[in-house]
């Protein structure tokens, strides 16, 4: 009798149909899916003025995640045109930032007791 080890990626409690025999491949696939989820969320929460259905956004996100190194190479050196919008998860504080006290040091020539 042969014993075969198989690795299956489970996302949100659902076992995916892809089976791996190498643990590193399963972990890489899981990381790719995590990146695709993050990309999909980023696109859906952005103020993009394009009518895309959820299926298209998900497919595009998986494509970009699968081709991450190539996408990174293309985007390397690109500077943002505008500052990114603040996350909705960030809580605004009514308190001002704490002030750090520093010791004042008098500068100038030192006088000797002559």
PDB file of N, CA and C in Angstrom:
ATOM      1  N   UNK A   1       0.844  -1.163   0.000  1.00  0.00           N
ATOM      2  CA  UNK A   1       0.000   0.000   0.000  1.00  0.00           C
ATOM      3  C   UNK A   1       0.901   1.242   0.000  1.00  0.00           C
ATOM      4  N   UNK A   2       0.524   2.226  -0.817  1.00  0.00           N
ATOM      5  CA  UNK A   2       1.290   3.465  -0.909  1.00  0.00           C
ATOM      6  C   UNK A   2       0.591   4.572  -0.133  1.00  0.00           C
ATOM      7  N   UNK A   3       1.388   5.397   0.482  1.00  0.00           N
ATOM      8  CA  UNK A   3       0.857   6.556   1.194  1.00  0.00           C
ATOM      9  C   UNK A   3       1.244   7.797   0.397  1.00  0.00           C
ATOM     10  N   UNK A   4       0.250   8.578   0.052  1.00  0.00           N
ATOM     11  CA  UNK A   4       0.488   9.784  -0.741  1.00  0.00           C
ATOM     12  C   UNK A   4       0.027  10.989   0.072  1.00  0.00           C
ATOM     13  N   UNK A   5       0.920  11.942   0.219  1.00  0.00           N
ATOM     14  CA  UNK A   5       0.582  13.175   0.928  1.00  0.00           C
ATOM     15  C   UNK A   5       0.096  14.188  -0.090  1.00  0.00           C
ATOM     16  N   UNK A   6      -1.046  14.784   0.214  1.00  0.00           N
ATOM     17  CA  UNK A   6      -1.604  15.804  -0.673  1.00  0.00           C
ATOM     18  C   UNK A   6      -1.912  17.046   0.144  1.00  0.00           C
ATOM     19  N   UNK A   7      -1.723  18.176  -0.479  1.00  0.00           N
ATOM     20  CA  UNK A   7      -1.988  19.461   0.169  1.00  0.00           C
ATOM     21  C   UNK A   7      -3.127  20.150  -0.571  1.00  0.00           C
ATOM     22  N   UNK A   8      -4.103  20.593   0.193  1.00  0.00           N
ATOM     23  CA  UNK A   8      -5.268  21.263  -0.365  1.00  0.00           C
ATOM     24  C   UNK A   8      -5.383  22.631   0.303  1.00  0.00           C
ATOM     25  N   UNK A   9      -5.644  23.640  -0.499  1.00  0.00           N
ATOM     26  CA  UNK A   9      -5.809  24.990   0.033  1.00  0.00           C
ATOM     27  C   UNK A   9      -7.275  25.177   0.419  1.00  0.00           C
ATOM     28  N   UNK A  10      -7.491  25.667   1.632  1.00  0.00           N
ATOM     29  CA  UNK A  10      -8.841  25.941   2.126  1.00  0.00           C
ATOM     30  C   UNK A  10      -8.967  27.448   2.317  1.00  0.00           C
ATOM     31  N   UNK A  11      -9.963  28.047   1.658  1.00  0.00           N
ATOM     32  CA  UNK A  11     -10.197  29.493   1.759  1.00  0.00           C
ATOM     33  C   UNK A  11     -11.595  29.724   2.298  1.00  0.00           C
ATOM     34  N   UNK A  12     -11.700  30.480   3.359  1.00  0.00           N
ATOM     35  CA  UNK A  12     -12.997  30.805   3.965  1.00  0.00           C
ATOM     36  C   UNK A  12     -13.807  29.551   4.284  1.00  0.00           C
ATOM     37  N   UNK A  13     -13.129  28.526   4.748  1.00  0.00           N
ATOM     38  CA  UNK A  13     -13.796  27.289   5.128  1.00  0.00           C
ATOM     39  C   UNK A  13     -14.164  26.391   3.965  1.00  0.00           C
ATOM     40  N   UNK A  14     -13.780  26.766   2.750  1.00  0.00           N
ATOM     41  CA  UNK A  14     -14.112  25.979   1.564  1.00  0.00           C
ATOM     42  C   UNK A  14     -12.838  25.367   1.001  1.00  0.00           C
ATOM     43  N   UNK A  15     -12.870  24.062   0.815  1.00  0.00           N
ATOM     44  CA  UNK A  15     -11.728  23.358   0.241  1.00  0.00           C
ATOM     45  C   UNK A  15     -11.729  23.583  -1.263  1.00  0.00           C
ATOM     46  N   UNK A  16     -10.626  24.087  -1.782  1.00  0.00           N
ATOM     47  CA  UNK A  16     -10.537  24.367  -3.213  1.00  0.00           C
ATOM     48  C   UNK A  16     -10.259  23.089  -3.982  1.00  0.00           C
ATOM     49  N   UNK A  17     -10.591  23.107  -5.262  1.00  0.00           N
ATOM     50  CA  UNK A  17     -10.469  21.898  -6.076  1.00  0.00           C
ATOM     51  C   UNK A  17      -9.044  21.584  -6.511  1.00  0.00           C
ATOM     52  N   UNK A  18      -8.138  22.454  -6.242  1.00  0.00           N
ATOM     53  CA  UNK A  18      -6.748  22.240  -6.640  1.00  0.00           C
ATOM     54  C   UNK A  18      -6.015  21.451  -5.557  1.00  0.00           C
ATOM     55  N   UNK A  19      -5.321  20.379  -5.948  1.00  0.00           N
ATOM     56  CA  UNK A  19      -4.586  19.524  -5.013  1.00  0.00           C
ATOM     57  C   UNK A  19      -3.107  19.580  -5.375  1.00  0.00           C
ATOM     58  N   UNK A  20      -2.257  19.682  -4.356  1.00  0.00           N
ATOM     59  CA  UNK A  20      -0.813  19.777  -4.560  1.00  0.00           C
ATOM     60  C   UNK A  20      -0.123  18.611  -3.871  1.00  0.00           C
ATOM     61  N   UNK A  21       0.994  18.190  -4.433  1.00  0.00           N
ATOM     62  CA  UNK A  21       1.804  17.147  -3.798  1.00  0.00           C
ATOM     63  C   UNK A  21       3.022  17.755  -3.113  1.00  0.00           C
ATOM     64  N   UNK A  22       3.282  19.026  -3.392  1.00  0.00           N
ATOM     65  CA  UNK A  22       4.417  19.727  -2.790  1.00  0.00           C
ATOM     66  C   UNK A  22       3.870  20.871  -1.932  1.00  0.00           C
ATOM     67  N   UNK A  23       4.261  20.887  -0.666  1.00  0.00           N
ATOM     68  CA  UNK A  23       3.749  21.876   0.283  1.00  0.00           C
ATOM     69  C   UNK A  23       4.069  23.306  -0.146  1.00  0.00           C
ATOM     70  N   UNK A  24       5.285  23.549  -0.659  1.00  0.00           N
ATOM     71  CA  UNK A  24       5.676  24.899  -1.077  1.00  0.00           C
ATOM     72  C   UNK A  24       4.773  25.419  -2.193  1.00  0.00           C
ATOM     73  N   UNK A  25       4.370  24.526  -3.103  1.00  0.00           N
ATOM     74  CA  UNK A  25       3.480  24.935  -4.192  1.00  0.00           C
ATOM     75  C   UNK A  25       2.103  25.315  -3.651  1.00  0.00           C
ATOM     76  N   UNK A  26       1.610  24.547  -2.687  1.00  0.00           N
ATOM     77  CA  UNK A  26       0.313  24.852  -2.076  1.00  0.00           C
ATOM     78  C   UNK A  26       0.372  26.190  -1.344  1.00  0.00           C
ATOM     79  N   UNK A  27       1.464  26.431  -0.627  1.00  0.00           N
ATOM     80  CA  UNK A  27       1.615  27.697   0.094  1.00  0.00           C
ATOM     81  C   UNK A  27       1.731  28.874  -0.871  1.00  0.00           C
ATOM     82  N   UNK A  28       2.446  28.683  -1.982  1.00  0.00           N
ATOM     83  CA  UNK A  28       2.573  29.746  -2.982  1.00  0.00           C
ATOM     84  C   UNK A  28       1.210  30.056  -3.604  1.00  0.00           C
ATOM     85  N   UNK A  29       0.432  29.022  -3.863  1.00  0.00           N
ATOM     86  CA  UNK A  29      -0.910  29.205  -4.417  1.00  0.00           C
ATOM     87  C   UNK A  29      -1.795  29.960  -3.420  1.00  0.00           C
ATOM     88  N   UNK A  30      -1.688  29.612  -2.157  1.00  0.00           N
ATOM     89  CA  UNK A  30      -2.462  30.285  -1.115  1.00  0.00           C
ATOM     90  C   UNK A  30      -2.076  31.764  -1.021  1.00  0.00           C
ATOM     91  N   UNK A  31      -0.773  32.059  -1.095  1.00  0.00           N
ATOM     92  CA  UNK A  31      -0.316  33.460  -1.061  1.00  0.00           C
ATOM     93  C   UNK A  31      -0.824  34.229  -2.282  1.00  0.00           C
ATOM     94  N   UNK A  32      -0.847  33.568  -3.447  1.00  0.00           N
ATOM     95  CA  UNK A  32      -1.343  34.207  -4.658  1.00  0.00           C
ATOM     96  C   UNK A  32      -2.826  34.533  -4.507  1.00  0.00           C
ATOM     97  N   UNK A  33      -3.600  33.603  -3.932  1.00  0.00           N
ATOM     98  CA  UNK A  33      -5.025  33.850  -3.724  1.00  0.00           C
ATOM     99  C   UNK A  33      -5.250  34.981  -2.721  1.00  0.00           C
ATOM    100  N   UNK A  34      -4.409  35.045  -1.702  1.00  0.00           N
ATOM    101  CA  UNK A  34      -4.502  36.126  -0.712  1.00  0.00           C
ATOM    102  C   UNK A  34      -4.232  37.477  -1.382  1.00  0.00           C
ATOM    103  N   UNK A  35      -3.218  37.519  -2.243  1.00  0.00           N
ATOM    104  CA  UNK A  35      -2.910  38.755  -2.973  1.00  0.00           C
ATOM    105  C   UNK A  35      -4.073  39.128  -3.892  1.00  0.00           C
ATOM    106  N   UNK A  36      -4.669  38.137  -4.547  1.00  0.00           N
ATOM    107  CA  UNK A  36      -5.812  38.396  -5.431  1.00  0.00           C
ATOM    108  C   UNK A  36      -6.989  38.957  -4.638  1.00  0.00           C
ATOM    109  N   UNK A  37      -7.232  38.417  -3.454  1.00  0.00           N
ATOM    110  CA  UNK A  37      -8.302  38.938  -2.593  1.00  0.00           C
ATOM    111  C   UNK A  37      -8.043  40.394  -2.223  1.00  0.00           C
ATOM    112  N   UNK A  38      -6.801  40.691  -1.873  1.00  0.00           N
ATOM    113  CA  UNK A  38      -6.440  42.065  -1.505  1.00  0.00           C
ATOM    114  C   UNK A  38      -6.583  43.014  -2.690  1.00  0.00           C
ATOM    115  N   UNK A  39      -6.160  42.566  -3.874  1.00  0.00           N
ATOM    116  CA  UNK A  39      -6.307  43.385  -5.078  1.00  0.00           C
ATOM    117  C   UNK A  39      -7.781  43.625  -5.388  1.00  0.00           C
ATOM    118  N   UNK A  40      -8.576  42.580  -5.284  1.00  0.00           N
ATOM    119  CA  UNK A  40     -10.005  42.690  -5.553  1.00  0.00           C
ATOM    120  C   UNK A  40     -10.661  43.688  -4.601  1.00  0.00           C
ATOM    121  N   UNK A  41     -10.332  43.591  -3.332  1.00  0.00           N
ATOM    122  CA  UNK A  41     -10.874  44.521  -2.336  1.00  0.00           C
ATOM    123  C   UNK A  41     -10.420  45.951  -2.650  1.00  0.00           C
ATOM    124  N   UNK A  42      -9.150  46.099  -3.021  1.00  0.00           N
ATOM    125  CA  UNK A  42      -8.606  47.417  -3.355  1.00  0.00           C
ATOM    126  C   UNK A  42      -9.368  48.038  -4.526  1.00  0.00           C
ATOM    127  N   UNK A  43      -9.624  47.249  -5.566  1.00  0.00           N
ATOM    128  CA  UNK A  43     -10.330  47.753  -6.750  1.00  0.00           C
ATOM    129  C   UNK A  43     -11.775  48.103  -6.399  1.00  0.00           C
ATOM    130  N   UNK A  44     -12.430  47.218  -5.645  1.00  0.00           N
ATOM    131  CA  UNK A  44     -13.842  47.441  -5.299  1.00  0.00           C
ATOM    132  C   UNK A  44     -14.026  48.653  -4.396  1.00  0.00           C
ATOM    133  N   UNK A  45     -13.068  48.922  -3.523  1.00  0.00           N
ATOM    134  CA  UNK A  45     -13.181  50.045  -2.594  1.00  0.00           C
ATOM    135  C   UNK A  45     -12.652  51.353  -3.174  1.00  0.00           C
ATOM    136  N   UNK A  46     -12.026  51.280  -4.341  1.00  0.00           N
ATOM    137  CA  UNK A  46     -11.470  52.498  -4.934  1.00  0.00           C
ATOM    138  C   UNK A  46     -12.576  53.307  -5.599  1.00  0.00           C
ATOM    139  N   UNK A  47     -12.220  54.510  -5.940  1.00  0.00           N
ATOM    140  CA  UNK A  47     -13.188  55.393  -6.591  1.00  0.00           C
ATOM    141  C   UNK A  47     -13.030  55.331  -8.108  1.00  0.00           C
ATOM    142  N   UNK A  48     -12.740  54.174  -8.619  1.00  0.00           N
ATOM    143  CA  UNK A  48     -12.540  54.003 -10.053  1.00  0.00           C
ATOM    144  C   UNK A  48     -13.872  54.215 -10.776  1.00  0.00           C
ATOM    145  N   UNK A  49     -13.838  54.965 -11.848  1.00  0.00           N
ATOM    146  CA  UNK A  49     -15.062  55.308 -12.575  1.00  0.00           C
ATOM    147  C   UNK A  49     -15.215  54.412 -13.801  1.00  0.00           C
ATOM    148  N   UNK A  50     -15.189  53.106 -13.562  1.00  0.00           N
ATOM    149  CA  UNK A  50     -15.363  52.125 -14.631  1.00  0.00           C
ATOM    150  C   UNK A  50     -16.393  51.119 -14.143  1.00  0.00           C
ATOM    151  N   UNK A  51     -17.321  50.761 -15.012  1.00  0.00           N
ATOM    152  CA  UNK A  51     -18.361  49.808 -14.632  1.00  0.00           C
ATOM    153  C   UNK A  51     -17.844  48.382 -14.833  1.00  0.00           C
ATOM    154  N   UNK A  52     -17.412  47.769 -13.744  1.00  0.00           N
ATOM    155  CA  UNK A  52     -16.916  46.394 -13.781  1.00  0.00           C
ATOM    156  C   UNK A  52     -17.762  45.540 -12.853  1.00  0.00           C
ATOM    157  N   UNK A  53     -18.169  44.374 -13.344  1.00  0.00           N
ATOM    158  CA  UNK A  53     -18.907  43.486 -12.452  1.00  0.00           C
ATOM    159  C   UNK A  53     -17.925  42.728 -11.555  1.00  0.00           C
ATOM    160  N   UNK A  54     -18.445  42.135 -10.507  1.00  0.00           N
ATOM    161  CA  UNK A  54     -17.605  41.478  -9.503  1.00  0.00           C
ATOM    162  C   UNK A  54     -16.783  40.334 -10.103  1.00  0.00           C
ATOM    163  N   UNK A  55     -17.363  39.597 -11.029  1.00  0.00           N
ATOM    164  CA  UNK A  55     -16.659  38.467 -11.656  1.00  0.00           C
ATOM    165  C   UNK A  55     -15.436  38.955 -12.438  1.00  0.00           C
ATOM    166  N   UNK A  56     -15.587  40.067 -13.143  1.00  0.00           N
ATOM    167  CA  UNK A  56     -14.476  40.636 -13.913  1.00  0.00           C
ATOM    168  C   UNK A  56     -13.378  41.136 -12.983  1.00  0.00           C
ATOM    169  N   UNK A  57     -13.770  41.800 -11.908  1.00  0.00           N
ATOM    170  CA  UNK A  57     -12.786  42.295 -10.939  1.00  0.00           C
ATOM    171  C   UNK A  57     -12.015  41.132 -10.330  1.00  0.00           C
ATOM    172  N   UNK A  58     -12.720  40.069  -9.967  1.00  0.00           N
ATOM    173  CA  UNK A  58     -12.060  38.900  -9.374  1.00  0.00           C
ATOM    174  C   UNK A  58     -11.104  38.242 -10.366  1.00  0.00           C
ATOM    175  N   UNK A  59     -11.528  38.108 -11.630  1.00  0.00           N
ATOM    176  CA  UNK A  59     -10.669  37.498 -12.655  1.00  0.00           C
ATOM    177  C   UNK A  59      -9.427  38.354 -12.899  1.00  0.00           C
ATOM    178  N   UNK A  60      -9.609  39.655 -12.964  1.00  0.00           N
ATOM    179  CA  UNK A  60      -8.485  40.572 -13.158  1.00  0.00           C
ATOM    180  C   UNK A  60      -7.530  40.511 -11.975  1.00  0.00           C
ATOM    181  N   UNK A  61      -8.069  40.433 -10.775  1.00  0.00           N
ATOM    182  CA  UNK A  61      -7.245  40.361  -9.562  1.00  0.00           C
ATOM    183  C   UNK A  61      -6.412  39.089  -9.532  1.00  0.00           C
ATOM    184  N   UNK A  62      -7.010  37.963  -9.903  1.00  0.00           N
ATOM    185  CA  UNK A  62      -6.267  36.693  -9.945  1.00  0.00           C
ATOM    186  C   UNK A  62      -5.175  36.774 -11.009  1.00  0.00           C
ATOM    187  N   UNK A  63      -5.494  37.348 -12.165  1.00  0.00           N
ATOM    188  CA  UNK A  63      -4.495  37.491 -13.228  1.00  0.00           C
ATOM    189  C   UNK A  63      -3.305  38.320 -12.754  1.00  0.00           C
ATOM    190  N   UNK A  64      -3.587  39.458 -12.120  1.00  0.00           N
ATOM    191  CA  UNK A  64      -2.506  40.318 -11.632  1.00  0.00           C
ATOM    192  C   UNK A  64      -1.687  39.621 -10.555  1.00  0.00           C
ATOM    193  N   UNK A  65      -2.351  38.893  -9.659  1.00  0.00           N
ATOM    194  CA  UNK A  65      -1.641  38.188  -8.592  1.00  0.00           C
ATOM    195  C   UNK A  65      -0.768  37.067  -9.153  1.00  0.00           C
ATOM    196  N   UNK A  66      -1.269  36.342 -10.144  1.00  0.00           N
ATOM    197  CA  UNK A  66      -0.483  35.257 -10.759  1.00  0.00           C
ATOM    198  C   UNK A  66       0.753  35.806 -11.455  1.00  0.00           C
ATOM    199  N   UNK A  67       0.638  37.004 -11.966  1.00  0.00           N
ATOM    200  CA  UNK A  67       1.734  37.625 -12.713  1.00  0.00           C
ATOM    201  C   UNK A  67       2.400  38.735 -11.908  1.00  0.00           C
ATOM    202  N   UNK A  68       2.421  38.572 -10.592  1.00  0.00           N
ATOM    203  CA  UNK A  68       2.962  39.582  -9.687  1.00  0.00           C
ATOM    204  C   UNK A  68       4.345  40.092 -10.039  1.00  0.00           C
ATOM    205  N   UNK A  69       5.321  39.209 -10.279  1.00  0.00           N
ATOM    206  CA  UNK A  69       6.666  39.712 -10.602  1.00  0.00           C
ATOM    207  C   UNK A  69       6.692  40.585 -11.858  1.00  0.00           C
ATOM    208  N   UNK A  70       5.944  40.201 -12.877  1.00  0.00           N
ATOM    209  CA  UNK A  70       5.888  41.000 -14.101  1.00  0.00           C
ATOM    210  C   UNK A  70       5.210  42.337 -13.876  1.00  0.00           C
ATOM    211  N   UNK A  71       4.133  42.319 -13.095  1.00  0.00           N
ATOM    212  CA  UNK A  71       3.413  43.557 -12.777  1.00  0.00           C
ATOM    213  C   UNK A  71       4.313  44.482 -11.964  1.00  0.00           C
ATOM    214  N   UNK A  72       5.021  43.914 -11.006  1.00  0.00           N
ATOM    215  CA  UNK A  72       5.936  44.710 -10.181  1.00  0.00           C
ATOM    216  C   UNK A  72       7.017  45.349 -11.047  1.00  0.00           C
ATOM    217  N   UNK A  73       7.533  44.592 -11.996  1.00  0.00           N
ATOM    218  CA  UNK A  73       8.573  45.109 -12.890  1.00  0.00           C
ATOM    219  C   UNK A  73       8.033  46.275 -13.726  1.00  0.00           C
ATOM    220  N   UNK A  74       6.803  46.146 -14.203  1.00  0.00           N
ATOM    221  CA  UNK A  74       6.191  47.206 -15.005  1.00  0.00           C
ATOM    222  C   UNK A  74       5.965  48.464 -14.170  1.00  0.00           C
ATOM    223  N   UNK A  75       5.525  48.286 -12.919  1.00  0.00           N
ATOM    224  CA  UNK A  75       5.174  49.423 -12.071  1.00  0.00           C
ATOM    225  C   UNK A  75       6.345  50.013 -11.301  1.00  0.00           C
ATOM    226  N   UNK A  76       7.494  49.367 -11.368  1.00  0.00           N
ATOM    227  CA  UNK A  76       8.662  49.855 -10.629  1.00  0.00           C
ATOM    228  C   UNK A  76       8.979  51.289 -11.049  1.00  0.00           C
ATOM    229  N   UNK A  77       9.175  52.130 -10.086  1.00  0.00           N
ATOM    230  CA  UNK A  77       9.546  53.514 -10.365  1.00  0.00           C
ATOM    231  C   UNK A  77       8.372  54.446 -10.589  1.00  0.00           C
ATOM    232  N   UNK A  78       7.153  53.931 -10.611  1.00  0.00           N
ATOM    233  CA  UNK A  78       5.988  54.782 -10.810  1.00  0.00           C
ATOM    234  C   UNK A  78       5.659  55.483  -9.503  1.00  0.00           C
ATOM    235  N   UNK A  79       5.530  56.783  -9.570  1.00  0.00           N
ATOM    236  CA  UNK A  79       5.187  57.576  -8.391  1.00  0.00           C
ATOM    237  C   UNK A  79       3.684  57.833  -8.394  1.00  0.00           C
ATOM    238  N   UNK A  80       3.039  57.835  -7.222  1.00  0.00           N
ATOM    239  CA  UNK A  80       1.602  58.109  -7.179  1.00  0.00           C
ATOM    240  C   UNK A  80       1.292  59.525  -7.647  1.00  0.00           C
ATOM    241  N   UNK A  81       0.214  59.667  -8.411  1.00  0.00           N
ATOM    242  CA  UNK A  81      -0.203  60.969  -8.907  1.00  0.00           C
ATOM    243  C   UNK A  81      -0.830  61.775  -7.780  1.00  0.00           C
ATOM    244  N   UNK A  82      -1.621  61.117  -6.949  1.00  0.00           N
ATOM    245  CA  UNK A  82      -2.271  61.768  -5.808  1.00  0.00           C
ATOM    246  C   UNK A  82      -2.059  60.888  -4.588  1.00  0.00           C
ATOM    247  N   UNK A  83      -2.115  61.466  -3.409  1.00  0.00           N
ATOM    248  CA  UNK A  83      -1.957  60.630  -2.216  1.00  0.00           C
ATOM    249  C   UNK A  83      -3.097  59.622  -2.134  1.00  0.00           C
ATOM    250  N   UNK A  84      -2.796  58.402  -1.663  1.00  0.00           N
ATOM    251  CA  UNK A  84      -3.848  57.392  -1.563  1.00  0.00           C
ATOM    252  C   UNK A  84      -4.889  57.813  -0.534  1.00  0.00           C
ATOM    253  N   UNK A  85      -6.152  57.410  -0.762  1.00  0.00           N
ATOM    254  CA  UNK A  85      -7.191  57.771   0.208  1.00  0.00           C
ATOM    255  C   UNK A  85      -6.936  57.100   1.545  1.00  0.00           C
ATOM    256  N   UNK A  86      -7.342  57.772   2.626  1.00  0.00           N
ATOM    257  CA  UNK A  86      -7.152  57.202   3.956  1.00  0.00           C
ATOM    258  C   UNK A  86      -8.048  55.988   4.113  1.00  0.00           C
ATOM    259  N   UNK A  87      -7.536  55.000   4.793  1.00  0.00           N
ATOM    260  CA  UNK A  87      -8.294  53.785   5.052  1.00  0.00           C
ATOM    261  C   UNK A  87      -9.478  54.102   5.950  1.00  0.00           C
ATOM    262  N   UNK A  88     -10.589  53.425   5.706  1.00  0.00           N
ATOM    263  CA  UNK A  88     -11.769  53.628   6.546  1.00  0.00           C
ATOM    264  C   UNK A  88     -11.575  53.015   7.916  1.00  0.00           C
ATOM    265  N   UNK A  89     -10.557  52.162   8.055  1.00  0.00           N
ATOM    266  CA  UNK A  89     -10.298  51.513   9.335  1.00  0.00           C
ATOM    267  C   UNK A  89      -9.534  52.416  10.293  1.00  0.00           C
ATOM    268  N   UNK A  90      -8.907  53.463   9.756  1.00  0.00           N
ATOM    269  CA  UNK A  90      -8.130  54.355  10.608  1.00  0.00           C
ATOM    270  C   UNK A  90      -9.079  55.207  11.435  1.00  0.00           C
ATOM    271  N   UNK A  91      -8.809  55.291  12.718  1.00  0.00           N
ATOM    272  CA  UNK A  91      -9.637  56.108  13.601  1.00  0.00           C
ATOM    273  C   UNK A  91      -8.961  57.458  13.776  1.00  0.00           C
ATOM    274  N   UNK A  92      -9.753  58.499  13.635  1.00  0.00           N
ATOM    275  CA  UNK A  92      -9.219  59.839  13.838  1.00  0.00           C
ATOM    276  C   UNK A  92      -9.258  60.148  15.320  1.00  0.00           C
ATOM    277  N   UNK A  93      -8.211  60.760  15.782  1.00  0.00           N
ATOM    278  CA  UNK A  93      -8.127  61.112  17.196  1.00  0.00           C
ATOM    279  C   UNK A  93      -8.354  62.603  17.351  1.00  0.00           C
ATOM    280  N   UNK A  94      -9.135  62.975  18.364  1.00  0.00           N
ATOM    281  CA  UNK A  94      -9.358  64.383  18.646  1.00  0.00           C
ATOM    282  C   UNK A  94      -8.172  64.996  19.369  1.00  0.00           C
ATOM    283  N   UNK A  95      -7.328  64.161  19.934  1.00  0.00           N
ATOM    284  CA  UNK A  95      -6.176  64.640  20.678  1.00  0.00           C
ATOM    285  C   UNK A  95      -5.041  64.978  19.718  1.00  0.00           C
ATOM    286  N   UNK A  96      -4.344  66.079  19.958  1.00  0.00           N
ATOM    287  CA  UNK A  96      -3.183  66.380  19.116  1.00  0.00           C
ATOM    288  C   UNK A  96      -2.059  65.397  19.422  1.00  0.00           C
ATOM    289  N   UNK A  97      -1.164  65.289  18.491  1.00  0.00           N
ATOM    290  CA  UNK A  97      -0.022  64.393  18.683  1.00  0.00           C
ATOM    291  C   UNK A  97       0.776  64.860  19.887  1.00  0.00           C
ATOM    292  N   UNK A  98       1.332  63.932  20.654  1.00  0.00           N
ATOM    293  CA  UNK A  98       2.102  64.335  21.831  1.00  0.00           C
ATOM    294  C   UNK A  98       3.317  65.163  21.424  1.00  0.00           C
ATOM    295  N   UNK A  99       3.609  66.161  22.235  1.00  0.00           N
ATOM    296  CA  UNK A  99       4.736  67.047  21.973  1.00  0.00           C
ATOM    297  C   UNK A  99       5.950  66.506  22.715  1.00  0.00           C
ATOM    298  N   UNK A 100       7.036  66.381  21.991  1.00  0.00           N
ATOM    299  CA  UNK A 100       8.271  65.913  22.614  1.00  0.00           C
ATOM    300  C   UNK A 100       9.025  67.123  23.140  1.00  0.00           C
ATOM    301  N   UNK A 101       9.424  67.041  24.382  1.00  0.00           N
ATOM    302  CA  UNK A 101      10.197  68.126  24.973  1.00  0.00           C
ATOM    303  C   UNK A 101      11.668  67.880  24.696  1.00  0.00           C
ATOM    304  N   UNK A 102      12.326  68.948  24.277  1.00  0.00           N
ATOM    305  CA  UNK A 102      13.761  68.841  24.038  1.00  0.00           C
ATOM    306  C   UNK A 102      14.466  69.861  24.914  1.00  0.00           C
ATOM    307  N   UNK A 103      15.674  69.571  25.231  1.00  0.00           N
ATOM    308  CA  UNK A 103      16.465  70.450  26.084  1.00  0.00           C
ATOM    309  C   UNK A 103      17.151  71.490  25.206  1.00  0.00           C
ATOM    310  N   UNK A 104      16.987  72.756  25.572  1.00  0.00           N
ATOM    311  CA  UNK A 104      17.622  73.832  24.826  1.00  0.00           C
ATOM    312  C   UNK A 104      19.096  73.875  25.189  1.00  0.00           C
ATOM    313  N   UNK A 105      19.906  73.997  24.182  1.00  0.00           N
ATOM    314  CA  UNK A 105      21.349  74.063  24.393  1.00  0.00           C
ATOM    315  C   UNK A 105      21.828  75.392  23.841  1.00  0.00           C
ATOM    316  N   UNK A 106      22.513  76.152  24.682  1.00  0.00           N
ATOM    317  CA  UNK A 106      23.038  77.442  24.263  1.00  0.00           C
ATOM    318  C   UNK A 106      24.281  77.199  23.432  1.00  0.00           C
ATOM    319  N   UNK A 107      24.288  77.774  22.253  1.00  0.00           N
ATOM    320  CA  UNK A 107      25.463  77.596  21.410  1.00  0.00           C
ATOM    321  C   UNK A 107      26.235  78.900  21.352  1.00  0.00           C
ATOM    322  N   UNK A 108      27.438  78.812  20.969  1.00  0.00           N
ATOM    323  CA  UNK A 108      28.285  79.992  20.878  1.00  0.00           C
ATOM    324  C   UNK A 108      29.645  79.682  21.457  1.00  0.00           C
ATOM    325  N   UNK A 109      30.523  80.681  21.436  1.00  0.00           N
ATOM    326  CA  UNK A 109      31.880  80.417  21.932  1.00  0.00           C
ATOM    327  C   UNK A 109      31.873  80.209  23.441  1.00  0.00           C
ATOM    328  N   UNK A 110      32.693  79.307  23.857  1.00  0.00           N
ATOM    329  CA  UNK A 110      32.845  79.039  25.288  1.00  0.00           C
ATOM    330  C   UNK A 110      33.916  79.972  25.833  1.00  0.00           C
ATOM    331  N   UNK A 111      33.635  80.545  26.988  1.00  0.00           N
ATOM    332  CA  UNK A 111      34.595  81.448  27.619  1.00  0.00           C
ATOM    333  C   UNK A 111      35.330  80.700  28.706  1.00  0.00           C
ATOM    334  N   UNK A 112      36.623  80.906  28.734  1.00  0.00           N
ATOM    335  CA  UNK A 112      37.394  80.279  29.808  1.00  0.00           C
ATOM    336  C   UNK A 112      37.512  81.273  30.952  1.00  0.00           C
ATOM    337  N   UNK A 113      37.822  80.824  32.105  1.00  0.00           N
ATOM    338  CA  UNK A 113      37.870  81.661  33.294  1.00  0.00           C
ATOM    339  C   UNK A 113      39.105  82.540  33.361  1.00  0.00           C
ATOM    340  N   UNK A 114      39.723  82.982  32.301  1.00  0.00           N
ATOM    341  CA  UNK A 114      40.926  83.819  32.315  1.00  0.00           C
ATOM    342  C   UNK A 114      40.630  85.207  32.715  1.00  0.00           C
TER     343      UNK A 114
END
